[in-house]
Structures are given as C-alpha cells and as structure tokens.
Amino acid sequence: MAEYAAQQYWDEVAGHLGDRSDGGGVVAGDDTEFYRLKRSMFMRRFLGPALRDASTVLEVGCGPGGNVRWLTEQGKEVVGADLSETMLRHARRTVDAGFVRIDGRTLPFEDRRFEAVFVATVLQHNPPEDARSLLLEMARVAEREVHLFEDTAVLPVRDRSSHWLRRPSWYAATLRDAGFTPVVSERLRLSAQEVSAALVRAAASGGRHEGARASRRHVRAEAAVLPVARVVDAVVPPAVGLTRMSFRRVR
C-alpha cells in the first residue's frame, strides 16, 4: 500500500476542487448523488442537533469551509483549522470566519477555549498515533463537548492508503482517558449505499484523485446501483459508514 503523506495529499485534493460543479466551497469529498445524500443527512441528522446548544465552536479539519459557513449562518462563533494551506484558501473565499493552519497533531489554543469541538471525516484519514494525538488535543481545548462524525465499521480495516475505518469503541476509549463520556453513538443507515459507491469509485474512476470532478461513467454507474442498495439499507442494520459519536466532559 502506498505511503500516505497527509499534508501533500490534501493539498492535492484542494487543487482539484475549483473544477467541480459545487465550486469547491462545500466539502472535499466526491460530488456525486450518494455523497450529496450523505452530506444532507449529516447536516440534518447529525451536525445540527449535535451543536444546537454550543455558541463557540472549533472544526478540526475544516477543508474548504462548508461546515464553517453553515454554522456561521446559524449565528455561532466558529473557527476552522486545517493542515492544508490550499484548503484554507478555499475556506477563506467561502466564508468570513477565523481560520488557522495546524500541524495535524496539536492545536494552538488554550485549554477549554471552545464550548464544542468537532471533526467530520477527518480522523479516519489519520494513522492511529496521529489520530490519538489530535483527539486528545480536541479534548483539551473543549470546554463541554466533543463531537466526532467519522466513518466507522464493526471490524477495523485500512481499506486504502489514506483511510482507516475504526470501531466507535476506539474513539470512546481515547476520550474516556481525557475525561469525556459518550452520550450519543449513531450510524447513518447507508451501509449498502456506502459500499456500492466505494466499489463504483474504484471501478469507474480509474486514476481520478479525490476531490476531482467525477466522470460521466462514474455518475451513471452510481445511479444504476444505488436504488438496489437503498432497498438493502431499509432492512439491514448498518455495519459501516458515517457515525455520530458525541461526548460530554465529566472531569
């Protein structure tokens, strides 16, 4: 498996965003039917309810700034942090908010600076030692809450060079050591669609880099398999996919 260099990888992803139909101003993930559905469910089911009572918020791994923009429009004071300066340039064009470049392992803020700190599909792109360091830093700068929105699985697996699927219990154990207890754990009911979209991406996209515009072949293939996958998701409990893991400080 190829070596993964996080900063270089996400600088390259950011370089492709301007060619996409959404202009690169939302998220760094694929701009296809499934990922638009996944984002819509994330905002409605996860992000909004999780941060409803927080007024000061830090997003770690903010990418091109879509989440920061949405939360700012809800009247919250939001800071976005990312290790890619290229991503941050996109973010600063997306919304007038505070953005900080980080090294991917530490956060340049004082203890308990923000009421809530969150990540959205960020830690899953970090090897275990970096993910743990960043998670402990998030706990340090959070006054009340830490919210993780990560792809998880019932069995841990590194399914590509830039992606580690972990059990929710891994995240819970790390935050327990930092004085946080879990209050919500919920996985979106999209497992079959998630797997189908991943297989289509692998088969139809060739050498396309993450963040680049999806080909017509990719879009057509995804549209063909998703209806069947939705039927499966309606009856089979989710075993993999985007998971909300919310934690509250207890000490």
Protein backbone atom coordinates (compact mmCIF):
# COMPACT_ATOMS: atom_id res chain seq x y z
CA MET A 1 0.00 0.00 0.00
CA ALA A 2 1.33 3.45 -0.96
CA GLU A 3 2.74 5.73 1.71
CA TYR A 4 0.30 8.40 2.88
CA ALA A 5 1.57 11.96 3.46
CA ALA A 6 -1.41 13.87 4.82
CA GLN A 7 -0.47 17.46 4.02
CA GLN A 8 0.63 16.68 0.46
CA TYR A 9 -2.46 14.54 -0.12
CA TRP A 10 -4.94 17.22 0.99
CA ASP A 11 -3.10 19.99 -0.83
CA GLU A 12 -3.59 17.90 -3.99
CA VAL A 13 -7.27 17.34 -3.20
CA ALA A 14 -7.73 21.07 -2.68
CA GLY A 15 -6.09 21.74 -6.02
CA HIS A 16 -8.89 19.84 -7.80
CA LEU A 17 -11.83 21.47 -6.04
CA GLY A 18 -12.17 24.52 -8.25
CA ASP A 19 -13.06 22.35 -11.24
CA ARG A 20 -16.09 20.80 -9.57
CA SER A 21 -19.74 21.71 -10.05
CA ASP A 22 -20.01 22.97 -6.46
CA GLY A 23 -17.01 25.24 -6.95
CA GLY A 24 -15.09 23.55 -4.16
CA GLY A 25 -16.87 25.56 -1.50
CA VAL A 26 -18.66 22.79 0.39
CA VAL A 27 -16.65 19.68 1.24
CA ALA A 28 -13.62 17.87 -0.12
CA GLY A 29 -15.41 14.56 -0.73
CA ASP A 30 -16.84 13.38 -4.04
CA ASP A 31 -19.58 15.49 -5.66
CA THR A 32 -21.92 12.65 -6.68
CA GLU A 33 -25.51 11.64 -5.89
CA PHE A 34 -24.55 9.41 -2.96
CA TYR A 35 -22.18 11.86 -1.33
CA ARG A 36 -24.69 14.70 -1.69
CA LEU A 37 -27.27 12.49 0.06
CA LYS A 38 -24.76 11.58 2.76
CA ARG A 39 -23.95 15.24 3.37
CA SER A 40 -27.62 16.21 3.52
CA MET A 41 -28.29 13.51 6.12
CA PHE A 42 -25.16 14.52 8.03
CA MET A 43 -26.30 18.14 8.30
CA ARG A 44 -29.91 17.32 9.19
CA ARG A 45 -29.42 14.29 11.47
CA PHE A 46 -26.01 14.88 12.99
CA LEU A 47 -24.38 18.31 12.80
CA GLY A 48 -27.38 20.50 13.55
CA PRO A 49 -28.64 18.56 16.59
CA ALA A 50 -25.15 17.98 17.99
CA LEU A 51 -24.19 21.66 18.04
CA ARG A 52 -27.60 23.14 18.78
CA ASP A 53 -26.61 24.46 22.24
CA ALA A 54 -23.00 25.46 21.51
CA SER A 55 -22.14 29.09 20.76
CA THR A 56 -18.34 28.82 20.33
CA VAL A 57 -17.23 26.01 18.03
CA LEU A 58 -13.98 24.69 16.59
CA GLU A 59 -13.93 22.48 13.50
CA VAL A 60 -10.72 20.50 13.15
CA GLY A 61 -10.04 19.64 9.52
CA CYS A 62 -12.41 22.25 8.10
CA GLY A 63 -11.39 21.68 4.48
CA PRO A 64 -12.91 24.23 2.07
CA GLY A 65 -15.18 25.66 4.74
CA GLY A 66 -18.67 24.35 4.02
CA ASN A 67 -19.43 23.38 7.61
CA VAL A 68 -17.97 26.60 9.00
CA ARG A 69 -20.15 28.62 6.62
CA TRP A 70 -23.31 26.73 7.59
CA LEU A 71 -22.66 27.06 11.33
CA THR A 72 -21.78 30.75 10.99
CA GLU A 73 -25.14 31.26 9.28
CA GLN A 74 -26.73 29.72 12.40
CA GLY A 75 -25.24 32.55 14.46
CA LYS A 76 -22.36 30.63 16.02
CA GLU A 77 -18.79 31.83 16.56
CA VAL A 78 -16.79 29.29 14.56
CA VAL A 79 -13.08 28.77 13.98
CA GLY A 80 -11.84 26.37 11.31
CA ALA A 81 -8.46 24.61 11.48
CA ASP A 82 -6.73 22.61 8.76
CA LEU A 83 -3.22 21.41 7.91
CA SER A 84 -3.58 22.31 4.22
CA GLU A 85 -2.98 25.97 3.38
CA THR A 86 -4.53 25.32 -0.04
CA MET A 87 -7.73 24.14 1.65
CA LEU A 88 -7.71 27.21 3.87
CA ARG A 89 -7.52 29.48 0.83
CA HIS A 90 -10.74 27.87 -0.42
CA ALA A 91 -12.28 28.27 3.05
CA ARG A 92 -11.44 31.97 3.30
CA ARG A 93 -13.24 32.52 -0.01
CA THR A 94 -16.22 30.52 1.24
CA VAL A 95 -16.95 32.41 4.47
CA ASP A 96 -15.68 35.32 6.54
CA ALA A 97 -14.57 33.43 9.66
CA GLY A 98 -11.44 32.66 11.63
CA PHE A 99 -9.14 30.04 10.08
CA VAL A 100 -5.92 28.62 11.48
CA ARG A 101 -3.34 26.33 9.96
CA ILE A 102 -2.34 23.39 12.19
CA ASP A 103 0.29 20.64 12.03
CA GLY A 104 -2.19 17.76 12.25
CA ARG A 105 -1.20 16.66 15.74
CA THR A 106 -1.54 19.71 18.03
CA LEU A 107 -3.95 22.66 18.33
CA PRO A 108 -2.73 26.24 19.03
CA PHE A 109 -5.48 27.14 21.51
CA GLU A 110 -5.66 27.42 25.29
CA ASP A 111 -7.36 24.77 27.42
CA ARG A 112 -11.18 24.71 27.21
CA ARG A 113 -11.26 27.55 24.66
CA PHE A 114 -14.41 26.32 22.81
CA GLU A 115 -17.74 25.07 24.10
CA ALA A 116 -17.74 22.39 21.41
CA VAL A 117 -15.08 20.88 19.16
CA PHE A 118 -15.85 18.60 16.23
CA VAL A 119 -14.40 16.74 13.26
CA ALA A 120 -16.19 15.45 10.18
CA THR A 121 -14.48 12.53 8.37
CA VAL A 122 -11.01 13.69 9.42
CA LEU A 123 -9.60 11.28 12.00
CA GLN A 124 -10.34 8.37 9.68
CA HIS A 125 -7.69 9.83 7.36
CA ASN A 126 -5.02 9.76 10.08
CA PRO A 127 -2.84 6.84 11.20
CA PRO A 128 -3.55 5.70 14.78
CA GLU A 129 -0.80 7.66 16.52
CA ASP A 130 -1.74 10.95 14.79
CA ALA A 131 -5.47 10.37 15.29
CA ARG A 132 -4.96 9.77 19.01
CA SER A 133 -2.77 12.88 19.42
CA LEU A 134 -5.29 15.07 17.64
CA LEU A 135 -8.21 13.59 19.55
CA LEU A 136 -6.54 14.32 22.90
CA GLU A 137 -5.85 17.88 21.75
CA MET A 138 -9.53 18.28 20.82
CA ALA A 139 -10.47 17.14 24.31
CA ARG A 140 -8.02 19.60 25.86
CA VAL A 141 -9.48 22.67 24.08
CA ALA A 142 -13.15 21.62 24.53
CA GLU A 143 -14.99 23.13 27.48
CA ARG A 144 -18.08 20.90 27.30
CA GLU A 145 -18.46 18.71 24.22
CA VAL A 146 -16.53 16.77 21.60
CA HIS A 147 -18.38 15.52 18.52
CA LEU A 148 -16.88 13.04 16.09
CA PHE A 149 -18.52 12.38 12.72
CA GLU A 150 -16.38 9.61 11.29
CA ASP A 151 -16.80 6.59 9.05
CA THR A 152 -16.63 3.54 11.32
CA ALA A 153 -17.05 -0.21 10.96
CA VAL A 154 -17.81 -3.22 13.11
CA LEU A 155 -14.30 -4.52 12.29
CA PRO A 156 -11.28 -2.21 11.94
CA VAL A 157 -9.69 -2.08 8.48
CA ARG A 158 -7.40 0.16 6.48
CA ASP A 159 -9.20 -0.03 3.15
CA ARG A 160 -6.93 2.34 1.23
CA SER A 161 -3.70 4.22 1.89
CA SER A 162 -5.47 7.34 3.21
CA HIS A 163 -8.34 5.71 5.10
CA TRP A 164 -8.62 3.87 8.43
CA LEU A 165 -12.03 2.50 9.44
CA ARG A 166 -12.12 2.07 13.24
CA ARG A 167 -14.67 0.82 15.74
CA PRO A 168 -16.54 3.51 17.70
CA SER A 169 -15.08 1.93 20.85
CA TRP A 170 -11.58 3.05 19.81
CA TYR A 171 -12.64 6.69 19.86
CA ALA A 172 -14.59 6.24 23.10
CA ALA A 173 -11.63 4.68 24.90
CA THR A 174 -9.31 7.50 23.87
CA LEU A 175 -11.70 10.23 25.02
CA ARG A 176 -12.51 8.40 28.24
CA ASP A 177 -8.85 8.81 29.19
CA ALA A 178 -9.25 12.56 28.64
CA GLY A 179 -12.29 12.91 30.92
CA PHE A 180 -15.18 12.56 28.45
CA THR A 181 -18.10 10.13 28.49
CA PRO A 182 -20.15 9.07 25.45
CA VAL A 183 -23.70 10.42 25.20
CA VAL A 184 -24.67 9.57 21.59
CA SER A 185 -23.50 6.91 19.14
CA GLU A 186 -25.46 6.52 15.91
CA ARG A 187 -24.50 5.28 12.43
CA LEU A 188 -26.36 6.50 9.35
CA ARG A 189 -28.40 3.78 7.66
CA LEU A 190 -26.38 3.96 4.46
CA SER A 191 -24.05 0.96 4.64
CA ALA A 192 -25.06 -0.75 1.39
CA GLN A 193 -25.04 2.56 -0.45
CA GLU A 194 -21.65 3.42 1.07
CA VAL A 195 -20.13 0.14 -0.08
CA SER A 196 -21.75 0.41 -3.52
CA ALA A 197 -20.47 3.96 -4.01
CA ALA A 198 -16.97 2.91 -2.96
CA LEU A 199 -16.96 0.00 -5.42
CA VAL A 200 -18.18 2.27 -8.22
CA ARG A 201 -15.47 4.80 -7.40
CA ALA A 202 -12.80 2.09 -7.56
CA ALA A 203 -14.11 0.58 -10.81
CA ALA A 204 -15.25 3.64 -12.76
CA SER A 205 -12.91 6.44 -11.75
CA GLY A 206 -9.59 4.98 -12.87
CA GLY A 207 -6.79 7.19 -11.58
CA ARG A 208 -9.04 10.12 -10.60
CA HIS A 209 -7.76 11.87 -7.50
CA GLU A 210 -10.08 12.50 -4.56
CA GLY A 211 -11.66 15.93 -4.89
CA ALA A 212 -11.65 15.93 -8.69
CA ARG A 213 -14.82 16.04 -10.79
CA ALA A 214 -16.47 12.63 -11.18
CA SER A 215 -16.66 11.27 -14.74
CA ARG A 216 -19.98 10.69 -16.52
CA ARG A 217 -19.26 6.98 -16.38
CA HIS A 218 -18.88 7.20 -12.61
CA VAL A 219 -22.11 9.18 -12.20
CA ARG A 220 -24.10 6.76 -14.41
CA ALA A 221 -22.73 3.67 -12.66
CA GLU A 222 -23.53 5.06 -9.21
CA ALA A 223 -27.06 5.97 -10.29
CA ALA A 224 -27.57 2.39 -11.54
CA VAL A 225 -26.58 0.63 -8.31
CA LEU A 226 -27.94 2.96 -5.64
CA PRO A 227 -31.66 2.01 -5.96
CA VAL A 228 -30.86 -1.62 -5.11
CA ALA A 229 -28.57 -0.56 -2.27
CA ARG A 230 -31.33 1.60 -0.78
CA VAL A 231 -33.60 -1.43 -0.54
CA VAL A 232 -30.88 -3.29 1.36
CA ASP A 233 -30.31 -0.36 3.71
CA ALA A 234 -34.00 -0.24 4.54
CA VAL A 235 -33.91 -3.72 6.07
CA VAL A 236 -30.30 -4.45 7.10
CA PRO A 237 -28.75 -2.70 10.15
CA PRO A 238 -25.73 -0.56 9.20
CA ALA A 239 -22.33 -2.18 9.73
CA VAL A 240 -20.16 0.54 8.21
CA GLY A 241 -20.47 4.24 7.48
CA LEU A 242 -20.77 7.72 8.90
CA THR A 243 -21.24 7.65 12.65
CA ARG A 244 -22.06 10.36 15.15
CA MET A 245 -20.12 9.92 18.38
CA SER A 246 -20.82 12.68 20.89
CA PHE A 247 -19.05 13.06 24.22
CA ARG A 248 -19.54 15.27 27.28
CA ARG A 249 -16.85 16.37 29.70
CA VAL A 250 -17.17 14.79 33.14
CA ARG A 251 -13.89 15.97 34.67
